[in-house]
Amino acid sequence: MQTHPIMTHFVMGTTRNFLMGGSLCYAIQNEKYWEIPILFIAPSIYSGYYAFKNKDIIINDLKKNFKTAKTFF
Protein backbone atom coordinates (compact mmCIF):
# COMPACT_ATOMS: atom_id res chain seq x y z
CA MET A 1 0.00 0.00 0.00
CA GLN A 2 1.39 3.35 -1.01
CA THR A 3 0.97 6.38 1.26
CA HIS A 4 0.48 9.82 -0.16
CA PRO A 5 2.60 12.65 1.31
CA ILE A 6 -0.30 15.12 1.27
CA MET A 7 -2.52 12.80 3.30
CA THR A 8 0.08 12.26 6.00
CA HIS A 9 0.51 16.04 6.25
CA PHE A 10 -3.17 16.53 7.03
CA VAL A 11 -3.43 13.54 9.36
CA MET A 12 -0.30 14.20 11.41
CA GLY A 13 0.66 17.86 11.33
CA THR A 14 1.57 20.76 13.54
CA THR A 15 -1.92 22.27 13.46
CA ARG A 16 -3.58 18.99 14.44
CA ASN A 17 -1.12 18.50 17.28
CA PHE A 18 -1.68 22.07 18.52
CA LEU A 19 -5.47 21.66 18.45
CA MET A 20 -5.24 18.25 20.11
CA GLY A 21 -3.08 19.62 22.92
CA GLY A 22 -5.41 22.54 23.56
CA SER A 23 -8.46 20.28 23.42
CA LEU A 24 -6.87 17.78 25.78
CA CYS A 25 -6.08 20.54 28.29
CA TYR A 26 -9.65 21.86 28.03
CA ALA A 27 -11.18 18.43 28.55
CA ILE A 28 -9.00 17.64 31.56
CA GLN A 29 -9.44 21.09 33.13
CA ASN A 30 -13.24 20.81 32.87
CA GLU A 31 -13.22 17.12 33.93
CA LYS A 32 -14.76 15.92 30.66
CA TYR A 33 -12.77 12.71 30.57
CA TRP A 34 -15.37 10.86 28.48
CA GLU A 35 -14.70 13.31 25.59
CA ILE A 36 -10.97 12.47 25.31
CA PRO A 37 -11.49 9.68 22.71
CA ILE A 38 -13.50 12.11 20.56
CA LEU A 39 -10.77 14.74 20.55
CA PHE A 40 -8.16 12.19 19.46
CA ILE A 41 -10.31 11.28 16.45
CA ALA A 42 -11.31 14.84 15.43
CA PRO A 43 -9.38 17.53 17.35
CA SER A 44 -10.26 20.37 14.96
CA ILE A 45 -14.00 19.68 15.23
CA TYR A 46 -13.78 19.35 19.02
CA SER A 47 -11.82 22.57 19.48
CA GLY A 48 -14.00 24.42 16.96
CA TYR A 49 -17.16 23.38 18.78
CA TYR A 50 -15.93 24.58 22.15
CA ALA A 51 -14.45 27.76 20.66
CA PHE A 52 -17.88 28.57 19.22
CA LYS A 53 -19.67 27.58 22.43
CA ASN A 54 -17.37 29.83 24.53
CA LYS A 55 -16.95 32.62 21.96
CA ASP A 56 -18.11 35.39 24.31
CA ILE A 57 -15.48 34.46 26.91
CA ILE A 58 -12.77 34.23 24.24
CA ILE A 59 -13.70 37.60 22.66
CA ASN A 60 -13.77 39.40 26.02
CA ASP A 61 -10.42 37.91 27.00
CA LEU A 62 -8.85 38.91 23.67
CA LYS A 63 -10.19 42.46 23.96
CA LYS A 64 -8.82 42.77 27.48
CA ASN A 65 -5.39 41.40 26.53
CA PHE A 66 -5.00 43.44 23.35
CA LYS A 67 -5.76 46.68 25.20
CA THR A 68 -2.91 46.07 27.60
CA ALA A 69 -0.50 44.53 25.06
CA LYS A 70 2.65 46.45 24.22
CA THR A 71 3.76 46.44 20.61
CA PHE A 72 7.30 46.13 19.33
CA PHE A 73 7.01 49.29 17.26
PDB file of N, CA and C in Angstrom:
ATOM      1  N   MET A   1       0.847  -1.178   0.000  1.00  0.00           N
ATOM      2  CA  MET A   1       0.000   0.000   0.000  1.00  0.00           C
ATOM      3  C   MET A   1       0.888   1.236   0.000  1.00  0.00           C
ATOM      4  N   GLN A   2       0.580   2.144  -0.878  1.00  0.00           N
ATOM      5  CA  GLN A   2       1.386   3.352  -1.009  1.00  0.00           C
ATOM      6  C   GLN A   2       0.721   4.498  -0.245  1.00  0.00           C
ATOM      7  N   THR A   3       1.504   5.220   0.545  1.00  0.00           N
ATOM      8  CA  THR A   3       0.969   6.376   1.264  1.00  0.00           C
ATOM      9  C   THR A   3       1.238   7.636   0.457  1.00  0.00           C
ATOM     10  N   HIS A   4       0.345   8.564   0.568  1.00  0.00           N
ATOM     11  CA  HIS A   4       0.478   9.823  -0.156  1.00  0.00           C
ATOM     12  C   HIS A   4       0.997  10.890   0.797  1.00  0.00           C
ATOM     13  N   PRO A   5       2.014  11.657   0.415  1.00  0.00           N
ATOM     14  CA  PRO A   5       2.600  12.655   1.311  1.00  0.00           C
ATOM     15  C   PRO A   5       1.601  13.717   1.768  1.00  0.00           C
ATOM     16  N   ILE A   6       0.674  14.088   0.900  1.00  0.00           N
ATOM     17  CA  ILE A   6      -0.298  15.116   1.270  1.00  0.00           C
ATOM     18  C   ILE A   6      -1.207  14.604   2.384  1.00  0.00           C
ATOM     19  N   MET A   7      -1.624  13.362   2.295  1.00  0.00           N
ATOM     20  CA  MET A   7      -2.523  12.801   3.299  1.00  0.00           C
ATOM     21  C   MET A   7      -1.845  12.717   4.664  1.00  0.00           C
ATOM     22  N   THR A   8      -0.588  12.338   4.711  1.00  0.00           N
ATOM     23  CA  THR A   8       0.081  12.263   6.001  1.00  0.00           C
ATOM     24  C   THR A   8       0.276  13.653   6.594  1.00  0.00           C
ATOM     25  N   HIS A   9       0.373  14.667   5.747  1.00  0.00           N
ATOM     26  CA  HIS A   9       0.509  16.038   6.253  1.00  0.00           C
ATOM     27  C   HIS A   9      -0.766  16.471   6.978  1.00  0.00           C
ATOM     28  N   PHE A  10      -1.912  16.131   6.411  1.00  0.00           N
ATOM     29  CA  PHE A  10      -3.167  16.534   7.032  1.00  0.00           C
ATOM     30  C   PHE A  10      -3.494  15.692   8.262  1.00  0.00           C
ATOM     31  N   VAL A  11      -3.113  14.430   8.248  1.00  0.00           N
ATOM     32  CA  VAL A  11      -3.433  13.540   9.358  1.00  0.00           C
ATOM     33  C   VAL A  11      -2.528  13.803  10.558  1.00  0.00           C
ATOM     34  N   MET A  12      -1.255  13.993  10.331  1.00  0.00           N
ATOM     35  CA  MET A  12      -0.302  14.201  11.413  1.00  0.00           C
ATOM     36  C   MET A  12       0.483  15.487  11.144  1.00  0.00           C
ATOM     37  N   GLY A  13      -0.022  16.601  11.585  1.00  0.00           N
ATOM     38  CA  GLY A  13       0.657  17.857  11.329  1.00  0.00           C
ATOM     39  C   GLY A  13       0.719  18.722  12.569  1.00  0.00           C
ATOM     40  N   THR A  14       1.395  19.833  12.430  1.00  0.00           N
ATOM     41  CA  THR A  14       1.567  20.757  13.543  1.00  0.00           C
ATOM     42  C   THR A  14       0.234  21.322  14.014  1.00  0.00           C
ATOM     43  N   THR A  15      -0.619  21.704  13.080  1.00  0.00           N
ATOM     44  CA  THR A  15      -1.919  22.272  13.455  1.00  0.00           C
ATOM     45  C   THR A  15      -2.762  21.262  14.219  1.00  0.00           C
ATOM     46  N   ARG A  16      -2.799  20.026  13.748  1.00  0.00           N
ATOM     47  CA  ARG A  16      -3.575  18.986  14.435  1.00  0.00           C
ATOM     48  C   ARG A  16      -3.032  18.741  15.834  1.00  0.00           C
ATOM     49  N   ASN A  17      -1.719  18.714  15.968  1.00  0.00           N
ATOM     50  CA  ASN A  17      -1.117  18.496  17.280  1.00  0.00           C
ATOM     51  C   ASN A  17      -1.409  19.660  18.224  1.00  0.00           C
ATOM     52  N   PHE A  18      -1.368  20.888  17.706  1.00  0.00           N
ATOM     53  CA  PHE A  18      -1.685  22.066  18.518  1.00  0.00           C
ATOM     54  C   PHE A  18      -3.138  22.025  18.987  1.00  0.00           C
ATOM     55  N   LEU A  19      -4.060  21.735  18.079  1.00  0.00           N
ATOM     56  CA  LEU A  19      -5.473  21.657  18.450  1.00  0.00           C
ATOM     57  C   LEU A  19      -5.736  20.505  19.406  1.00  0.00           C
ATOM     58  N   MET A  20      -5.051  19.391  19.205  1.00  0.00           N
ATOM     59  CA  MET A  20      -5.236  18.253  20.107  1.00  0.00           C
ATOM     60  C   MET A  20      -4.738  18.584  21.510  1.00  0.00           C
ATOM     61  N   GLY A  21      -3.605  19.247  21.611  1.00  0.00           N
ATOM     62  CA  GLY A  21      -3.080  19.618  22.920  1.00  0.00           C
ATOM     63  C   GLY A  21      -3.992  20.580  23.654  1.00  0.00           C
ATOM     64  N   GLY A  22      -4.484  21.588  22.936  1.00  0.00           N
ATOM     65  CA  GLY A  22      -5.415  22.535  23.557  1.00  0.00           C
ATOM     66  C   GLY A  22      -6.711  21.873  23.963  1.00  0.00           C
ATOM     67  N   SER A  23      -7.216  20.982  23.112  1.00  0.00           N
ATOM     68  CA  SER A  23      -8.458  20.275  23.420  1.00  0.00           C
ATOM     69  C   SER A  23      -8.282  19.342  24.606  1.00  0.00           C
ATOM     70  N   LEU A  24      -7.145  18.687  24.661  1.00  0.00           N
ATOM     71  CA  LEU A  24      -6.873  17.781  25.779  1.00  0.00           C
ATOM     72  C   LEU A  24      -6.808  18.557  27.094  1.00  0.00           C
ATOM     73  N   CYS A  25      -6.140  19.701  27.084  1.00  0.00           N
ATOM     74  CA  CYS A  25      -6.081  20.538  28.294  1.00  0.00           C
ATOM     75  C   CYS A  25      -7.466  21.003  28.711  1.00  0.00           C
ATOM     76  N   TYR A  26      -8.296  21.407  27.729  1.00  0.00           N
ATOM     77  CA  TYR A  26      -9.650  21.863  28.035  1.00  0.00           C
ATOM     78  C   TYR A  26     -10.480  20.735  28.642  1.00  0.00           C
ATOM     79  N   ALA A  27     -10.388  19.555  28.050  1.00  0.00           N
ATOM     80  CA  ALA A  27     -11.181  18.425  28.548  1.00  0.00           C
ATOM     81  C   ALA A  27     -10.765  18.033  29.957  1.00  0.00           C
ATOM     82  N   ILE A  28      -9.472  18.012  30.222  1.00  0.00           N
ATOM     83  CA  ILE A  28      -9.000  17.635  31.559  1.00  0.00           C
ATOM     84  C   ILE A  28      -9.339  18.714  32.581  1.00  0.00           C
ATOM     85  N   GLN A  29      -9.155  19.988  32.207  1.00  0.00           N
ATOM     86  CA  GLN A  29      -9.445  21.087  33.131  1.00  0.00           C
ATOM     87  C   GLN A  29     -10.918  21.107  33.532  1.00  0.00           C
ATOM     88  N   ASN A  30     -11.804  20.802  32.594  1.00  0.00           N
ATOM     89  CA  ASN A  30     -13.239  20.814  32.873  1.00  0.00           C
ATOM     90  C   ASN A  30     -13.780  19.434  33.239  1.00  0.00           C
ATOM     91  N   GLU A  31     -12.879  18.481  33.502  1.00  0.00           N
ATOM     92  CA  GLU A  31     -13.217  17.125  33.933  1.00  0.00           C
ATOM     93  C   GLU A  31     -14.201  16.442  32.985  1.00  0.00           C
ATOM     94  N   LYS A  32     -13.956  16.580  31.681  1.00  0.00           N
ATOM     95  CA  LYS A  32     -14.762  15.922  30.656  1.00  0.00           C
ATOM     96  C   LYS A  32     -13.952  14.760  30.084  1.00  0.00           C
ATOM     97  N   TYR A  33     -13.647  13.816  30.940  1.00  0.00           N
ATOM     98  CA  TYR A  33     -12.772  12.714  30.568  1.00  0.00           C
ATOM     99  C   TYR A  33     -13.388  11.814  29.503  1.00  0.00           C
ATOM    100  N   TRP A  34     -14.709  11.703  29.462  1.00  0.00           N
ATOM    101  CA  TRP A  34     -15.370  10.857  28.480  1.00  0.00           C
ATOM    102  C   TRP A  34     -15.254  11.432  27.064  1.00  0.00           C
ATOM    103  N   GLU A  35     -14.848  12.696  26.910  1.00  0.00           N
ATOM    104  CA  GLU A  35     -14.702  13.305  25.593  1.00  0.00           C
ATOM    105  C   GLU A  35     -13.290  13.149  25.017  1.00  0.00           C
ATOM    106  N   ILE A  36     -12.353  12.612  25.774  1.00  0.00           N
ATOM    107  CA  ILE A  36     -10.969  12.467  25.306  1.00  0.00           C
ATOM    108  C   ILE A  36     -10.867  11.580  24.061  1.00  0.00           C
ATOM    109  N   PRO A  37     -11.575  10.455  23.965  1.00  0.00           N
ATOM    110  CA  PRO A  37     -11.487   9.680  22.710  1.00  0.00           C
ATOM    111  C   PRO A  37     -11.978  10.461  21.489  1.00  0.00           C
ATOM    112  N   ILE A  38     -12.980  11.304  21.666  1.00  0.00           N
ATOM    113  CA  ILE A  38     -13.495  12.106  20.557  1.00  0.00           C
ATOM    114  C   ILE A  38     -12.450  13.091  20.075  1.00  0.00           C
ATOM    115  N   LEU A  39     -11.744  13.744  20.974  1.00  0.00           N
ATOM    116  CA  LEU A  39     -10.769  14.740  20.549  1.00  0.00           C
ATOM    117  C   LEU A  39      -9.560  14.124  19.881  1.00  0.00           C
ATOM    118  N   PHE A  40      -9.252  12.848  20.173  1.00  0.00           N
ATOM    119  CA  PHE A  40      -8.164  12.185  19.462  1.00  0.00           C
ATOM    120  C   PHE A  40      -8.561  11.852  18.021  1.00  0.00           C
ATOM    121  N   ILE A  41      -9.837  11.596  17.801  1.00  0.00           N
ATOM    122  CA  ILE A  41     -10.313  11.283  16.453  1.00  0.00           C
ATOM    123  C   ILE A  41     -10.457  12.556  15.619  1.00  0.00           C
ATOM    124  N   ALA A  42     -11.035  13.611  16.185  1.00  0.00           N
ATOM    125  CA  ALA A  42     -11.308  14.841  15.431  1.00  0.00           C
ATOM    126  C   ALA A  42     -10.998  16.069  16.289  1.00  0.00           C
ATOM    127  N   PRO A  43      -9.718  16.404  16.478  1.00  0.00           N
ATOM    128  CA  PRO A  43      -9.380  17.527  17.350  1.00  0.00           C
ATOM    129  C   PRO A  43      -9.832  18.886  16.817  1.00  0.00           C
ATOM    130  N   SER A  44      -9.846  19.075  15.506  1.00  0.00           N
ATOM    131  CA  SER A  44     -10.265  20.367  14.964  1.00  0.00           C
ATOM    132  C   SER A  44     -11.758  20.596  15.163  1.00  0.00           C
ATOM    133  N   ILE A  45     -12.556  19.560  15.010  1.00  0.00           N
ATOM    134  CA  ILE A  45     -14.000  19.680  15.231  1.00  0.00           C
ATOM    135  C   ILE A  45     -14.281  19.923  16.710  1.00  0.00           C
ATOM    136  N   TYR A  46     -13.590  19.203  17.574  1.00  0.00           N
ATOM    137  CA  TYR A  46     -13.781  19.351  19.020  1.00  0.00           C
ATOM    138  C   TYR A  46     -13.417  20.758  19.478  1.00  0.00           C
ATOM    139  N   SER A  47     -12.251  21.241  19.048  1.00  0.00           N
ATOM    140  CA  SER A  47     -11.821  22.574  19.482  1.00  0.00           C
ATOM    141  C   SER A  47     -12.685  23.658  18.848  1.00  0.00           C
ATOM    142  N   GLY A  48     -13.116  23.452  17.606  1.00  0.00           N
ATOM    143  CA  GLY A  48     -13.997  24.423  16.960  1.00  0.00           C
ATOM    144  C   GLY A  48     -15.340  24.528  17.649  1.00  0.00           C
ATOM    145  N   TYR A  49     -15.880  23.390  18.076  1.00  0.00           N
ATOM    146  CA  TYR A  49     -17.159  23.382  18.776  1.00  0.00           C
ATOM    147  C   TYR A  49     -17.073  24.163  20.085  1.00  0.00           C
ATOM    148  N   TYR A  50     -16.039  23.892  20.870  1.00  0.00           N
ATOM    149  CA  TYR A  50     -15.934  24.580  22.150  1.00  0.00           C
ATOM    150  C   TYR A  50     -15.485  26.030  21.995  1.00  0.00           C
ATOM    151  N   ALA A  51     -14.774  26.346  20.928  1.00  0.00           N
ATOM    152  CA  ALA A  51     -14.451  27.756  20.663  1.00  0.00           C
ATOM    153  C   ALA A  51     -15.723  28.529  20.329  1.00  0.00           C
ATOM    154  N   PHE A  52     -16.609  27.917  19.539  1.00  0.00           N
ATOM    155  CA  PHE A  52     -17.882  28.567  19.222  1.00  0.00           C
ATOM    156  C   PHE A  52     -18.769  28.663  20.457  1.00  0.00           C
ATOM    157  N   LYS A  53     -18.818  27.603  21.235  1.00  0.00           N
ATOM    158  CA  LYS A  53     -19.666  27.579  22.431  1.00  0.00           C
ATOM    159  C   LYS A  53     -19.217  28.632  23.457  1.00  0.00           C
ATOM    160  N   ASN A  54     -17.914  28.880  23.559  1.00  0.00           N
ATOM    161  CA  ASN A  54     -17.370  29.831  24.528  1.00  0.00           C
ATOM    162  C   ASN A  54     -16.864  31.111  23.862  1.00  0.00           C
ATOM    163  N   LYS A  55     -17.449  31.480  22.727  1.00  0.00           N
ATOM    164  CA  LYS A  55     -16.951  32.622  21.959  1.00  0.00           C
ATOM    165  C   LYS A  55     -17.010  33.939  22.729  1.00  0.00           C
ATOM    166  N   ASP A  56     -18.011  34.143  23.556  1.00  0.00           N
ATOM    167  CA  ASP A  56     -18.108  35.394  24.314  1.00  0.00           C
ATOM    168  C   ASP A  56     -16.956  35.521  25.308  1.00  0.00           C
ATOM    169  N   ILE A  57     -16.604  34.450  25.961  1.00  0.00           N
ATOM    170  CA  ILE A  57     -15.483  34.457  26.908  1.00  0.00           C
ATOM    171  C   ILE A  57     -14.175  34.716  26.168  1.00  0.00           C
ATOM    172  N   ILE A  58     -13.997  34.070  25.020  1.00  0.00           N
ATOM    173  CA  ILE A  58     -12.769  34.233  24.242  1.00  0.00           C
ATOM    174  C   ILE A  58     -12.641  35.657  23.724  1.00  0.00           C
ATOM    175  N   ILE A  59     -13.736  36.227  23.188  1.00  0.00           N
ATOM    176  CA  ILE A  59     -13.698  37.596  22.655  1.00  0.00           C
ATOM    177  C   ILE A  59     -13.400  38.594  23.760  1.00  0.00           C
ATOM    178  N   ASN A  60     -14.034  38.469  24.914  1.00  0.00           N
ATOM    179  CA  ASN A  60     -13.775  39.401  26.023  1.00  0.00           C
ATOM    180  C   ASN A  60     -12.335  39.300  26.510  1.00  0.00           C
ATOM    181  N   ASP A  61     -11.803  38.100  26.571  1.00  0.00           N
ATOM    182  CA  ASP A  61     -10.423  37.911  26.999  1.00  0.00           C
ATOM    183  C   ASP A  61      -9.449  38.518  25.990  1.00  0.00           C
ATOM    184  N   LEU A  62      -9.713  38.327  24.692  1.00  0.00           N
ATOM    185  CA  LEU A  62      -8.847  38.913  23.668  1.00  0.00           C
ATOM    186  C   LEU A  62      -8.884  40.435  23.703  1.00  0.00           C
ATOM    187  N   LYS A  63     -10.073  40.996  23.885  1.00  0.00           N
ATOM    188  CA  LYS A  63     -10.191  42.458  23.961  1.00  0.00           C
ATOM    189  C   LYS A  63      -9.414  43.004  25.156  1.00  0.00           C
ATOM    190  N   LYS A  64      -9.521  42.327  26.279  1.00  0.00           N
ATOM    191  CA  LYS A  64      -8.816  42.766  27.482  1.00  0.00           C
ATOM    192  C   LYS A  64      -7.302  42.673  27.289  1.00  0.00           C
ATOM    193  N   ASN A  65      -6.832  41.591  26.699  1.00  0.00           N
ATOM    194  CA  ASN A  65      -5.394  41.403  26.527  1.00  0.00           C
ATOM    195  C   ASN A  65      -4.798  42.296  25.455  1.00  0.00           C
ATOM    196  N   PHE A  66      -5.543  42.586  24.403  1.00  0.00           N
ATOM    197  CA  PHE A  66      -4.998  43.440  23.352  1.00  0.00           C
ATOM    198  C   PHE A  66      -4.969  44.904  23.769  1.00  0.00           C
ATOM    199  N   LYS A  67      -5.815  45.311  24.699  1.00  0.00           N
ATOM    200  CA  LYS A  67      -5.759  46.682  25.203  1.00  0.00           C
ATOM    201  C   LYS A  67      -4.503  46.925  26.019  1.00  0.00           C
ATOM    202  N   THR A  68      -4.064  45.902  26.739  1.00  0.00           N
ATOM    203  CA  THR A  68      -2.906  46.067  27.596  1.00  0.00           C
ATOM    204  C   THR A  68      -1.606  45.595  26.939  1.00  0.00           C
ATOM    205  N   ALA A  69      -1.704  45.055  25.717  1.00  0.00           N
ATOM    206  CA  ALA A  69      -0.504  44.525  25.056  1.00  0.00           C
ATOM    207  C   ALA A  69       0.386  45.653  24.556  1.00  0.00           C
ATOM    208  N   LYS A  70       1.671  45.490  24.736  1.00  0.00           N
ATOM    209  CA  LYS A  70       2.647  46.449  24.219  1.00  0.00           C
ATOM    210  C   LYS A  70       3.130  45.932  22.863  1.00  0.00           C
ATOM    211  N   THR A  71       3.283  46.831  21.920  1.00  0.00           N
ATOM    212  CA  THR A  71       3.755  46.435  20.613  1.00  0.00           C
ATOM    213  C   THR A  71       5.251  46.663  20.498  1.00  0.00           C
ATOM    214  N   PHE A  72       5.856  45.989  19.547  1.00  0.00           N
ATOM    215  CA  PHE A  72       7.303  46.125  19.329  1.00  0.00           C
ATOM    216  C   PHE A  72       7.643  47.491  18.742  1.00  0.00           C
ATOM    217  N   PHE A  73       6.741  48.020  17.951  1.00  0.00           N
ATOM    218  CA  PHE A  73       7.005  49.291  17.258  1.00  0.00           C
ATOM    219  C   PHE A  73       6.613  50.406  18.148  1.00  0.00           C
TER     220      PHE A  73
END
